[in-house]
């Protein structure tokens, strides 16, 4: 390292105020131009939050509705074919041919 002083006179605003103002204005103009180019992106991001809120609300209402419906059909759904088939599939139960035909609506022979 050297002990020489650094010459900052080239960027001194009091040395040439017009030049300094032109540099500041040019920098600000570039920043504004860049921001205008991405205005669509900012608009899209701003509208994404409400859309996400609506989607989450719909999912919550649907989930609550399904939960309530499953609670009410659990008692009455013992004879429902879809319920019985699902129970067999989930539990891995192997039903007899007669019970499969009965659930599907056919008469055993």
Protein backbone atom coordinates (compact mmCIF):
# COMPACT_ATOMS: atom_id res chain seq x y z
CA UNK A 1 0.00 0.00 0.00
CA UNK A 2 1.10 3.48 -0.65
CA UNK A 3 0.53 6.58 1.44
CA UNK A 4 -0.28 8.73 -1.60
CA UNK A 5 -3.54 10.59 -1.49
CA UNK A 6 -6.18 9.67 -4.01
CA UNK A 7 -7.20 12.44 -6.36
CA UNK A 8 -11.01 12.72 -6.32
CA UNK A 9 -11.09 15.99 -8.25
CA UNK A 10 -12.51 14.25 -11.34
CA UNK A 11 -15.75 13.51 -9.51
CA UNK A 12 -15.93 16.72 -7.49
CA UNK A 13 -19.39 18.28 -8.03
CA UNK A 14 -18.13 21.80 -7.27
CA UNK A 15 -15.40 21.63 -9.90
CA UNK A 16 -17.86 21.47 -12.84
CA UNK A 17 -21.48 21.64 -11.62
CA UNK A 18 -23.02 21.40 -15.11
CA UNK A 19 -21.10 18.22 -15.91
CA UNK A 20 -22.05 16.73 -12.53
CA UNK A 21 -25.75 17.54 -13.08
CA UNK A 22 -25.65 15.96 -16.55
CA UNK A 23 -24.16 12.76 -15.07
CA UNK A 24 -26.81 12.62 -12.36
CA UNK A 25 -29.63 13.23 -14.87
CA UNK A 26 -28.24 10.59 -17.25
CA UNK A 27 -28.00 8.05 -14.43
CA UNK A 28 -31.56 8.82 -13.29
CA UNK A 29 -32.84 8.59 -16.89
CA UNK A 30 -31.23 5.15 -17.33
CA UNK A 31 -32.78 3.96 -14.07
CA UNK A 32 -36.23 5.20 -15.10
CA UNK A 33 -35.92 3.62 -18.54
CA UNK A 34 -34.99 0.29 -17.00
CA UNK A 35 -37.91 0.50 -14.59
CA UNK A 36 -40.40 1.35 -17.36
CA UNK A 37 -39.25 -1.72 -19.28
CA UNK A 38 -40.12 -3.98 -16.36
CA UNK A 39 -43.38 -2.25 -15.42
CA UNK A 40 -45.31 -5.23 -16.77
CA UNK A 41 -43.37 -7.54 -14.47
CA UNK A 42 -44.14 -5.38 -11.44
CA UNK A 43 -47.82 -5.28 -12.43
CA UNK A 44 -47.90 -9.04 -12.83
CA UNK A 45 -46.26 -9.58 -9.44
CA UNK A 46 -48.65 -7.14 -7.78
CA UNK A 47 -51.67 -9.02 -9.15
CA UNK A 48 -50.24 -12.42 -8.25
CA UNK A 49 -50.77 -11.91 -4.51
CA UNK A 50 -54.56 -11.43 -4.73
CA UNK A 51 -54.81 -14.34 -7.16
CA UNK A 52 -52.89 -16.54 -4.74
CA UNK A 53 -55.19 -15.43 -1.92
CA UNK A 54 -58.27 -16.34 -3.96
CA UNK A 55 -56.84 -19.73 -4.91
CA UNK A 56 -55.96 -20.52 -1.30
CA UNK A 57 -59.45 -19.48 -0.17
CA UNK A 58 -61.11 -21.70 -2.76
CA UNK A 59 -58.90 -24.62 -1.74
CA UNK A 60 -59.74 -24.09 1.94
CA UNK A 61 -63.49 -23.91 1.30
CA UNK A 62 -63.34 -27.02 -0.89
CA UNK A 63 -61.33 -28.93 1.70
CA UNK A 64 -63.76 -27.96 4.47
CA UNK A 65 -66.72 -29.01 2.31
CA UNK A 66 -65.18 -32.38 1.52
CA UNK A 67 -64.34 -32.95 5.19
CA UNK A 68 -67.89 -32.16 6.30
CA UNK A 69 -69.36 -34.31 3.53
CA UNK A 70 -67.12 -37.27 4.39
CA UNK A 71 -68.14 -37.02 8.04
CA UNK A 72 -71.83 -37.11 7.11
CA UNK A 73 -71.50 -39.93 4.56
CA UNK A 74 -69.35 -42.16 6.72
CA UNK A 75 -72.37 -43.41 8.62
CA UNK A 76 -74.66 -43.75 5.58
CA UNK A 77 -71.98 -44.75 3.08
CA UNK A 78 -71.49 -48.31 4.26
CA UNK A 79 -73.71 -49.59 1.43
CA UNK A 80 -72.38 -47.22 -1.24
CA UNK A 81 -70.51 -49.18 -3.94
CA UNK A 82 -67.77 -46.57 -4.35
CA UNK A 83 -67.20 -46.49 -0.60
CA UNK A 84 -66.94 -50.27 -0.33
CA UNK A 85 -64.60 -50.53 -3.34
CA UNK A 86 -62.42 -47.77 -1.93
CA UNK A 87 -62.29 -49.46 1.46
CA UNK A 88 -61.23 -52.72 -0.19
CA UNK A 89 -58.52 -50.94 -2.18
CA UNK A 90 -57.15 -49.01 0.79
CA UNK A 91 -57.13 -51.85 3.29
CA UNK A 92 -55.96 -54.47 0.80
CA UNK A 93 -58.94 -56.65 1.66
CA UNK A 94 -59.68 -59.43 -0.84
CA UNK A 95 -63.46 -59.77 -1.02
CA UNK A 96 -65.23 -62.89 -2.14
CA UNK A 97 -66.77 -63.10 -5.60
CA UNK A 98 -70.27 -63.04 -4.10
CA UNK A 99 -69.61 -59.81 -2.17
CA UNK A 100 -68.08 -58.17 -5.26
CA UNK A 101 -71.13 -59.05 -7.33
CA UNK A 102 -73.44 -57.83 -4.57
CA UNK A 103 -71.66 -54.47 -4.35
CA UNK A 104 -71.67 -54.04 -8.13
CA UNK A 105 -75.40 -54.79 -8.27
CA UNK A 106 -75.37 -58.23 -9.80
CA UNK A 107 -77.12 -61.23 -8.29
CA UNK A 108 -74.85 -64.14 -7.36
CA UNK A 109 -75.75 -67.40 -9.10
